[in-house]
Amino acid sequence: VKDYAQNTLPALRKHLRHCEDAARAVGVDETTI
C-alpha cells in the first residue's frame, strides 16, 4: 500500500501542475489558485 501511494504521487503532482495551467488559461484568478 505504501509503495502504491509513493508511486502515484508523481502523477498527482504532474496533474496539479496541469490543473494550474488550465485554470489560468480559462481565467481562474491567481488568488483562488
PDB file of all heavy atoms in Angstrom:
ATOM      1  N   VAL A   1       0.839  -1.197   0.000  1.00  0.00           N
ATOM      2  CA  VAL A   1       0.000   0.000   0.000  1.00  0.00           C
ATOM      3  C   VAL A   1       0.872   1.244   0.000  1.00  0.00           C
ATOM      4  O   VAL A   1       0.622   2.201  -0.737  1.00  0.00           O
ATOM      5  CB  VAL A   1      -0.951   0.001   1.216  1.00  0.00           C
ATOM      6  CG1 VAL A   1      -1.800   1.278   1.228  1.00  0.00           C
ATOM      7  CG2 VAL A   1      -1.848  -1.227   1.204  1.00  0.00           C
ATOM      8  N   LYS A   2       1.894   1.238   0.823  1.00  0.00           N
ATOM      9  CA  LYS A   2       2.821   2.379   0.882  1.00  0.00           C
ATOM     10  C   LYS A   2       3.482   2.610  -0.478  1.00  0.00           C
ATOM     11  O   LYS A   2       3.607   3.747  -0.943  1.00  0.00           O
ATOM     12  CB  LYS A   2       3.877   2.116   1.960  1.00  0.00           C
ATOM     13  CG  LYS A   2       4.790   3.295   2.243  1.00  0.00           C
ATOM     14  CD  LYS A   2       5.874   2.905   3.238  1.00  0.00           C
ATOM     15  CE  LYS A   2       5.314   2.646   4.618  1.00  0.00           C
ATOM     16  NZ  LYS A   2       4.975   3.923   5.317  1.00  0.00           N
ATOM     17  N   ASP A   3       3.927   1.524  -1.131  1.00  0.00           N
ATOM     18  CA  ASP A   3       4.571   1.646  -2.442  1.00  0.00           C
ATOM     19  C   ASP A   3       3.601   2.190  -3.482  1.00  0.00           C
ATOM     20  O   ASP A   3       3.972   3.021  -4.320  1.00  0.00           O
ATOM     21  CB  ASP A   3       5.102   0.290  -2.903  1.00  0.00           C
ATOM     22  CG  ASP A   3       6.335  -0.152  -2.130  1.00  0.00           C
ATOM     23  OD1 ASP A   3       6.913   0.678  -1.407  1.00  0.00           O
ATOM     24  OD2 ASP A   3       6.708  -1.339  -2.238  1.00  0.00           O
ATOM     25  N   TYR A   4       2.352   1.719  -3.440  1.00  0.00           N
ATOM     26  CA  TYR A   4       1.351   2.232  -4.380  1.00  0.00           C
ATOM     27  C   TYR A   4       1.184   3.741  -4.207  1.00  0.00           C
ATOM     28  O   TYR A   4       1.157   4.497  -5.184  1.00  0.00           O
ATOM     29  CB  TYR A   4       0.014   1.525  -4.174  1.00  0.00           C
ATOM     30  CG  TYR A   4      -1.150   2.311  -4.719  1.00  0.00           C
ATOM     31  CD1 TYR A   4      -1.332   2.438  -6.094  1.00  0.00           C
ATOM     32  CD2 TYR A   4      -2.026   2.980  -3.868  1.00  0.00           C
ATOM     33  CE1 TYR A   4      -2.373   3.202  -6.605  1.00  0.00           C
ATOM     34  CE2 TYR A   4      -3.069   3.736  -4.364  1.00  0.00           C
ATOM     35  CZ  TYR A   4      -3.241   3.845  -5.729  1.00  0.00           C
ATOM     36  OH  TYR A   4      -4.256   4.613  -6.232  1.00  0.00           O
ATOM     37  N   ALA A   5       1.048   4.191  -2.956  1.00  0.00           N
ATOM     38  CA  ALA A   5       0.883   5.617  -2.691  1.00  0.00           C
ATOM     39  C   ALA A   5       2.096   6.414  -3.147  1.00  0.00           C
ATOM     40  O   ALA A   5       1.973   7.460  -3.792  1.00  0.00           O
ATOM     41  CB  ALA A   5       0.625   5.844  -1.199  1.00  0.00           C
ATOM     42  N   GLN A   6       3.280   5.913  -2.822  1.00  0.00           N
ATOM     43  CA  GLN A   6       4.520   6.606  -3.179  1.00  0.00           C
ATOM     44  C   GLN A   6       4.673   6.719  -4.692  1.00  0.00           C
ATOM     45  O   GLN A   6       5.066   7.768  -5.222  1.00  0.00           O
ATOM     46  CB  GLN A   6       5.717   5.850  -2.596  1.00  0.00           C
ATOM     47  CG  GLN A   6       7.062   6.531  -2.823  1.00  0.00           C
ATOM     48  CD  GLN A   6       7.199   7.806  -2.014  1.00  0.00           C
ATOM     49  OE1 GLN A   6       7.254   7.775  -0.795  1.00  0.00           O
ATOM     50  NE2 GLN A   6       7.229   8.938  -2.692  1.00  0.00           N
ATOM     51  N   ASN A   7       4.332   5.648  -5.402  1.00  0.00           N
ATOM     52  CA  ASN A   7       4.497   5.627  -6.859  1.00  0.00           C
ATOM     53  C   ASN A   7       3.434   6.444  -7.585  1.00  0.00           C
ATOM     54  O   ASN A   7       3.636   6.816  -8.751  1.00  0.00           O
ATOM     55  CB  ASN A   7       4.475   4.184  -7.362  1.00  0.00           C
ATOM     56  CG  ASN A   7       5.673   3.386  -6.905  1.00  0.00           C
ATOM     57  OD1 ASN A   7       6.739   3.941  -6.625  1.00  0.00           O
ATOM     58  ND2 ASN A   7       5.523   2.073  -6.808  1.00  0.00           N
ATOM     59  N   THR A   8       2.323   6.726  -6.921  1.00  0.00           N
ATOM     60  CA  THR A   8       1.253   7.516  -7.534  1.00  0.00           C
ATOM     61  C   THR A   8       1.460   9.010  -7.349  1.00  0.00           C
ATOM     62  O   THR A   8       1.004   9.820  -8.166  1.00  0.00           O
ATOM     63  CB  THR A   8      -0.113   7.103  -6.949  1.00  0.00           C
ATOM     64  OG1 THR A   8      -0.326   5.702  -7.194  1.00  0.00           O
ATOM     65  CG2 THR A   8      -1.262   7.883  -7.572  1.00  0.00           C
ATOM     66  N   LEU A   9       2.164   9.405  -6.303  1.00  0.00           N
ATOM     67  CA  LEU A   9       2.345  10.835  -6.011  1.00  0.00           C
ATOM     68  C   LEU A   9       2.937  11.638  -7.173  1.00  0.00           C
ATOM     69  O   LEU A   9       2.463  12.755  -7.434  1.00  0.00           O
ATOM     70  CB  LEU A   9       3.190  11.009  -4.753  1.00  0.00           C
ATOM     71  CG  LEU A   9       2.402  10.962  -3.445  1.00  0.00           C
ATOM     72  CD1 LEU A   9       3.352  10.814  -2.250  1.00  0.00           C
ATOM     73  CD2 LEU A   9       1.544  12.206  -3.272  1.00  0.00           C
ATOM     74  N   PRO A  10       3.960  11.152  -7.898  1.00  0.00           N
ATOM     75  CA  PRO A  10       4.469  11.956  -9.014  1.00  0.00           C
ATOM     76  C   PRO A  10       3.411  12.290 -10.060  1.00  0.00           C
ATOM     77  O   PRO A  10       3.384  13.401 -10.591  1.00  0.00           O
ATOM     78  CB  PRO A  10       5.576  11.066  -9.599  1.00  0.00           C
ATOM     79  CG  PRO A  10       6.029  10.229  -8.450  1.00  0.00           C
ATOM     80  CD  PRO A  10       4.782   9.956  -7.659  1.00  0.00           C
ATOM     81  N   ALA A  11       2.515  11.348 -10.350  1.00  0.00           N
ATOM     82  CA  ALA A  11       1.444  11.608 -11.310  1.00  0.00           C
ATOM     83  C   ALA A  11       0.468  12.648 -10.773  1.00  0.00           C
ATOM     84  O   ALA A  11      -0.003  13.516 -11.517  1.00  0.00           O
ATOM     85  CB  ALA A  11       0.710  10.316 -11.644  1.00  0.00           C
ATOM     86  N   LEU A  12       0.169  12.581  -9.485  1.00  0.00           N
ATOM     87  CA  LEU A  12      -0.734  13.565  -8.884  1.00  0.00           C
ATOM     88  C   LEU A  12      -0.120  14.967  -8.926  1.00  0.00           C
ATOM     89  O   LEU A  12      -0.824  15.949  -9.176  1.00  0.00           O
ATOM     90  CB  LEU A  12      -1.061  13.171  -7.444  1.00  0.00           C
ATOM     91  CG  LEU A  12      -1.859  11.882  -7.265  1.00  0.00           C
ATOM     92  CD1 LEU A  12      -2.018  11.551  -5.777  1.00  0.00           C
ATOM     93  CD2 LEU A  12      -3.229  11.989  -7.927  1.00  0.00           C
ATOM     94  N   ARG A  13       1.179  15.048  -8.677  1.00  0.00           N
ATOM     95  CA  ARG A  13       1.849  16.343  -8.763  1.00  0.00           C
ATOM     96  C   ARG A  13       1.843  16.869 -10.194  1.00  0.00           C
ATOM     97  O   ARG A  13       1.638  18.066 -10.432  1.00  0.00           O
ATOM     98  CB  ARG A  13       3.285  16.212  -8.246  1.00  0.00           C
ATOM     99  CG  ARG A  13       3.366  15.922  -6.757  1.00  0.00           C
ATOM    100  CD  ARG A  13       4.798  15.626  -6.337  1.00  0.00           C
ATOM    101  NE  ARG A  13       4.874  15.269  -4.923  1.00  0.00           N
ATOM    102  CZ  ARG A  13       5.576  14.255  -4.432  1.00  0.00           C
ATOM    103  NH1 ARG A  13       6.260  13.468  -5.257  1.00  0.00           N
ATOM    104  NH2 ARG A  13       5.597  14.014  -3.144  1.00  0.00           N
ATOM    105  N   LYS A  14       2.068  15.981 -11.152  1.00  0.00           N
ATOM    106  CA  LYS A  14       2.016  16.385 -12.563  1.00  0.00           C
ATOM    107  C   LYS A  14       0.620  16.889 -12.912  1.00  0.00           C
ATOM    108  O   LYS A  14       0.471  17.925 -13.573  1.00  0.00           O
ATOM    109  CB  LYS A  14       2.385  15.197 -13.452  1.00  0.00           C
ATOM    110  CG  LYS A  14       2.339  15.519 -14.950  1.00  0.00           C
ATOM    111  CD  LYS A  14       2.554  14.269 -15.791  1.00  0.00           C
ATOM    112  CE  LYS A  14       1.309  13.399 -15.798  1.00  0.00           C
ATOM    113  NZ  LYS A  14       1.399  12.282 -16.774  1.00  0.00           N
ATOM    114  N   HIS A  15      -0.390  16.167 -12.464  1.00  0.00           N
ATOM    115  CA  HIS A  15      -1.763  16.595 -12.721  1.00  0.00           C
ATOM    116  C   HIS A  15      -2.031  17.974 -12.142  1.00  0.00           C
ATOM    117  O   HIS A  15      -2.683  18.808 -12.773  1.00  0.00           O
ATOM    118  CB  HIS A  15      -2.755  15.597 -12.097  1.00  0.00           C
ATOM    119  CG  HIS A  15      -2.816  14.293 -12.805  1.00  0.00           C
ATOM    120  ND1 HIS A  15      -3.628  13.265 -12.381  1.00  0.00           N
ATOM    121  CD2 HIS A  15      -2.176  13.835 -13.909  1.00  0.00           C
ATOM    122  CE1 HIS A  15      -3.480  12.234 -13.199  1.00  0.00           C
ATOM    123  NE2 HIS A  15      -2.596  12.551 -14.126  1.00  0.00           N
ATOM    124  N   LEU A  16      -1.536  18.213 -10.937  1.00  0.00           N
ATOM    125  CA  LEU A  16      -1.776  19.503 -10.298  1.00  0.00           C
ATOM    126  C   LEU A  16      -1.136  20.637 -11.090  1.00  0.00           C
ATOM    127  O   LEU A  16      -1.731  21.715 -11.231  1.00  0.00           O
ATOM    128  CB  LEU A  16      -1.261  19.485  -8.860  1.00  0.00           C
ATOM    129  CG  LEU A  16      -1.602  20.708  -8.002  1.00  0.00           C
ATOM    130  CD1 LEU A  16      -3.105  20.940  -7.961  1.00  0.00           C
ATOM    131  CD2 LEU A  16      -1.057  20.551  -6.588  1.00  0.00           C
ATOM    132  N   ARG A  17       0.053  20.416 -11.618  1.00  0.00           N
ATOM    133  CA  ARG A  17       0.697  21.443 -12.456  1.00  0.00           C
ATOM    134  C   ARG A  17      -0.166  21.754 -13.678  1.00  0.00           C
ATOM    135  O   ARG A  17      -0.372  22.916 -14.034  1.00  0.00           O
ATOM    136  CB  ARG A  17       2.085  20.971 -12.904  1.00  0.00           C
ATOM    137  CG  ARG A  17       3.079  20.799 -11.777  1.00  0.00           C
ATOM    138  CD  ARG A  17       4.520  20.772 -12.299  1.00  0.00           C
ATOM    139  NE  ARG A  17       4.746  19.758 -13.311  1.00  0.00           N
ATOM    140  CZ  ARG A  17       5.064  18.499 -13.059  1.00  0.00           C
ATOM    141  NH1 ARG A  17       5.121  18.063 -11.802  1.00  0.00           N
ATOM    142  NH2 ARG A  17       5.285  17.646 -14.032  1.00  0.00           N
ATOM    143  N   HIS A  18      -0.685  20.707 -14.318  1.00  0.00           N
ATOM    144  CA  HIS A  18      -1.524  20.916 -15.498  1.00  0.00           C
ATOM    145  C   HIS A  18      -2.865  21.544 -15.124  1.00  0.00           C
ATOM    146  O   HIS A  18      -3.424  22.311 -15.911  1.00  0.00           O
ATOM    147  CB  HIS A  18      -1.727  19.589 -16.230  1.00  0.00           C
ATOM    148  CG  HIS A  18      -0.521  19.140 -17.000  1.00  0.00           C
ATOM    149  ND1 HIS A  18      -0.231  19.601 -18.276  1.00  0.00           N
ATOM    150  CD2 HIS A  18       0.484  18.295 -16.683  1.00  0.00           C
ATOM    151  CE1 HIS A  18       0.888  19.043 -18.711  1.00  0.00           C
ATOM    152  NE2 HIS A  18       1.354  18.249 -17.755  1.00  0.00           N
ATOM    153  N   CYS A  19      -3.366  21.220 -13.950  1.00  0.00           N
ATOM    154  CA  CYS A  19      -4.587  21.879 -13.476  1.00  0.00           C
ATOM    155  C   CYS A  19      -4.364  23.372 -13.304  1.00  0.00           C
ATOM    156  O   CYS A  19      -5.230  24.186 -13.646  1.00  0.00           O
ATOM    157  CB  CYS A  19      -5.038  21.267 -12.146  1.00  0.00           C
ATOM    158  SG  CYS A  19      -5.680  19.593 -12.248  1.00  0.00           S
ATOM    159  N   GLU A  20      -3.213  23.734 -12.746  1.00  0.00           N
ATOM    160  CA  GLU A  20      -2.879  25.160 -12.599  1.00  0.00           C
ATOM    161  C   GLU A  20      -2.855  25.851 -13.959  1.00  0.00           C
ATOM    162  O   GLU A  20      -3.431  26.943 -14.135  1.00  0.00           O
ATOM    163  CB  GLU A  20      -1.508  25.313 -11.943  1.00  0.00           C
ATOM    164  CG  GLU A  20      -1.454  25.077 -10.463  1.00  0.00           C
ATOM    165  CD  GLU A  20      -0.100  25.495  -9.919  1.00  0.00           C
ATOM    166  OE1 GLU A  20       0.162  26.711  -9.867  1.00  0.00           O
ATOM    167  OE2 GLU A  20       0.689  24.598  -9.544  1.00  0.00           O
ATOM    168  N   ASP A  21      -2.167  25.236 -14.906  1.00  0.00           N
ATOM    169  CA  ASP A  21      -2.052  25.834 -16.243  1.00  0.00           C
ATOM    170  C   ASP A  21      -3.419  25.993 -16.896  1.00  0.00           C
ATOM    171  O   ASP A  21      -3.731  27.049 -17.471  1.00  0.00           O
ATOM    172  CB  ASP A  21      -1.161  24.966 -17.137  1.00  0.00           C
ATOM    173  CG  ASP A  21       0.295  24.955 -16.690  1.00  0.00           C
ATOM    174  OD1 ASP A  21       0.698  25.876 -15.942  1.00  0.00           O
ATOM    175  OD2 ASP A  21       1.026  24.022 -17.087  1.00  0.00           O
ATOM    176  N   ALA A  22      -4.246  24.938 -16.795  1.00  0.00           N
ATOM    177  CA  ALA A  22      -5.568  25.003 -17.413  1.00  0.00           C
ATOM    178  C   ALA A  22      -6.453  26.030 -16.713  1.00  0.00           C
ATOM    179  O   ALA A  22      -7.218  26.751 -17.364  1.00  0.00           O
ATOM    180  CB  ALA A  22      -6.223  23.615 -17.371  1.00  0.00           C
ATOM    181  N   ALA A  23      -6.340  26.111 -15.391  1.00  0.00           N
ATOM    182  CA  ALA A  23      -7.143  27.086 -14.648  1.00  0.00           C
ATOM    183  C   ALA A  23      -6.800  28.510 -15.075  1.00  0.00           C
ATOM    184  O   ALA A  23      -7.695  29.337 -15.282  1.00  0.00           O
ATOM    185  CB  ALA A  23      -6.914  26.907 -13.148  1.00  0.00           C
ATOM    186  N   ARG A  24      -5.523  28.786 -15.206  1.00  0.00           N
ATOM    187  CA  ARG A  24      -5.117  30.128 -15.664  1.00  0.00           C
ATOM    188  C   ARG A  24      -5.595  30.385 -17.093  1.00  0.00           C
ATOM    189  O   ARG A  24      -6.003  31.506 -17.424  1.00  0.00           O
ATOM    190  CB  ARG A  24      -3.601  30.268 -15.580  1.00  0.00           C
ATOM    191  CG  ARG A  24      -3.066  30.307 -14.159  1.00  0.00           C
ATOM    192  CD  ARG A  24      -1.585  30.659 -14.125  1.00  0.00           C
ATOM    193  NE  ARG A  24      -1.129  30.746 -12.738  1.00  0.00           N
ATOM    194  CZ  ARG A  24      -0.570  29.745 -12.067  1.00  0.00           C
ATOM    195  NH1 ARG A  24      -0.368  28.575 -12.669  1.00  0.00           N
ATOM    196  NH2 ARG A  24      -0.204  29.894 -10.810  1.00  0.00           N
ATOM    197  N   ALA A  25      -5.545  29.349 -17.912  1.00  0.00           N
ATOM    198  CA  ALA A  25      -5.936  29.512 -19.318  1.00  0.00           C
ATOM    199  C   ALA A  25      -7.412  29.867 -19.474  1.00  0.00           C
ATOM    200  O   ALA A  25      -7.789  30.519 -20.454  1.00  0.00           O
ATOM    201  CB  ALA A  25      -5.622  28.241 -20.099  1.00  0.00           C
ATOM    202  N   VAL A  26      -8.239  29.457 -18.523  1.00  0.00           N
ATOM    203  CA  VAL A  26      -9.681  29.736 -18.627  1.00  0.00           C
ATOM    204  C   VAL A  26     -10.109  30.862 -17.701  1.00  0.00           C
ATOM    205  O   VAL A  26     -11.304  31.112 -17.522  1.00  0.00           O
ATOM    206  CB  VAL A  26     -10.519  28.471 -18.358  1.00  0.00           C
ATOM    207  CG1 VAL A  26     -10.202  27.407 -19.386  1.00  0.00           C
ATOM    208  CG2 VAL A  26     -10.324  27.947 -16.943  1.00  0.00           C
ATOM    209  N   GLY A  27      -9.140  31.559 -17.089  1.00  0.00           N
ATOM    210  CA  GLY A  27      -9.466  32.780 -16.359  1.00  0.00           C
ATOM    211  C   GLY A  27      -9.696  32.647 -14.870  1.00  0.00           C
ATOM    212  O   GLY A  27     -10.250  33.562 -14.248  1.00  0.00           O
ATOM    213  N   VAL A  28      -9.295  31.535 -14.262  1.00  0.00           N
ATOM    214  CA  VAL A  28      -9.378  31.442 -12.802  1.00  0.00           C
ATOM    215  C   VAL A  28      -8.332  32.386 -12.210  1.00  0.00           C
ATOM    216  O   VAL A  28      -7.169  32.372 -12.624  1.00  0.00           O
ATOM    217  CB  VAL A  28      -9.128  30.000 -12.316  1.00  0.00           C
ATOM    218  CG1 VAL A  28      -9.170  29.937 -10.791  1.00  0.00           C
ATOM    219  CG2 VAL A  28     -10.159  29.056 -12.923  1.00  0.00           C
ATOM    220  N   ASP A  29      -8.725  33.225 -11.272  1.00  0.00           N
ATOM    221  CA  ASP A  29      -7.821  34.255 -10.762  1.00  0.00           C
ATOM    222  C   ASP A  29      -6.745  33.657  -9.856  1.00  0.00           C
ATOM    223  O   ASP A  29      -6.915  32.592  -9.251  1.00  0.00           O
ATOM    224  CB  ASP A  29      -8.604  35.333 -10.007  1.00  0.00           C
ATOM    225  CG  ASP A  29      -9.318  34.774  -8.791  1.00  0.00           C
ATOM    226  OD1 ASP A  29     -10.452  34.284  -8.953  1.00  0.00           O
ATOM    227  OD2 ASP A  29      -8.738  34.801  -7.686  1.00  0.00           O
ATOM    228  N   GLU A  30      -5.626  34.370  -9.751  1.00  0.00           N
ATOM    229  CA  GLU A  30      -4.463  33.889  -9.002  1.00  0.00           C
ATOM    230  C   GLU A  30      -4.758  33.738  -7.511  1.00  0.00           C
ATOM    231  O   GLU A  30      -4.207  32.853  -6.858  1.00  0.00           O
ATOM    232  CB  GLU A  30      -3.283  34.852  -9.193  1.00  0.00           C
ATOM    233  CG  GLU A  30      -2.684  34.827 -10.587  1.00  0.00           C
ATOM    234  CD  GLU A  30      -2.055  33.475 -10.914  1.00  0.00           C
ATOM    235  OE1 GLU A  30      -1.566  32.788  -9.989  1.00  0.00           O
ATOM    236  OE2 GLU A  30      -2.057  33.103 -12.095  1.00  0.00           O
ATOM    237  N   THR A  31      -5.618  34.590  -6.984  1.00  0.00           N
ATOM    238  CA  THR A  31      -5.957  34.487  -5.571  1.00  0.00           C
ATOM    239  C   THR A  31      -6.628  33.150  -5.275  1.00  0.00           C
ATOM    240  O   THR A  31      -6.306  32.479  -4.288  1.00  0.00           O
ATOM    241  CB  THR A  31      -6.884  35.640  -5.153  1.00  0.00           C
ATOM    242  OG1 THR A  31      -6.217  36.887  -5.382  1.00  0.00           O
ATOM    243  CG2 THR A  31      -7.256  35.526  -3.681  1.00  0.00           C
ATOM    244  N   THR A  32      -7.549  32.750  -6.135  1.00  0.00           N
ATOM    245  CA  THR A  32      -8.242  31.472  -5.956  1.00  0.00           C
ATOM    246  C   THR A  32      -7.261  30.312  -6.050  1.00  0.00           C
ATOM    247  O   THR A  32      -7.266  29.392  -5.218  1.00  0.00           O
ATOM    248  CB  THR A  32      -9.342  31.299  -7.019  1.00  0.00           C
ATOM    249  OG1 THR A  32     -10.320  32.327  -6.851  1.00  0.00           O
ATOM    250  CG2 THR A  32     -10.014  29.936  -6.894  1.00  0.00           C
ATOM    251  N   ILE A  33      -6.379  30.348  -7.042  1.00  0.00           N
ATOM    252  CA  ILE A  33      -5.398  29.276  -7.228  1.00  0.00           C
ATOM    253  C   ILE A  33      -4.467  29.193  -6.024  1.00  0.00           C
ATOM    254  O   ILE A  33      -4.220  28.107  -5.483  1.00  0.00           O
ATOM    255  CB  ILE A  33      -4.593  29.501  -8.526  1.00  0.00           C
ATOM    256  CG1 ILE A  33      -5.508  29.363  -9.744  1.00  0.00           C
ATOM    257  CG2 ILE A  33      -3.434  28.503  -8.618  1.00  0.00           C
ATOM    258  CD1 ILE A  33      -4.856  29.728 -11.065  1.00  0.00           C
TER     259      ILE A  33
END
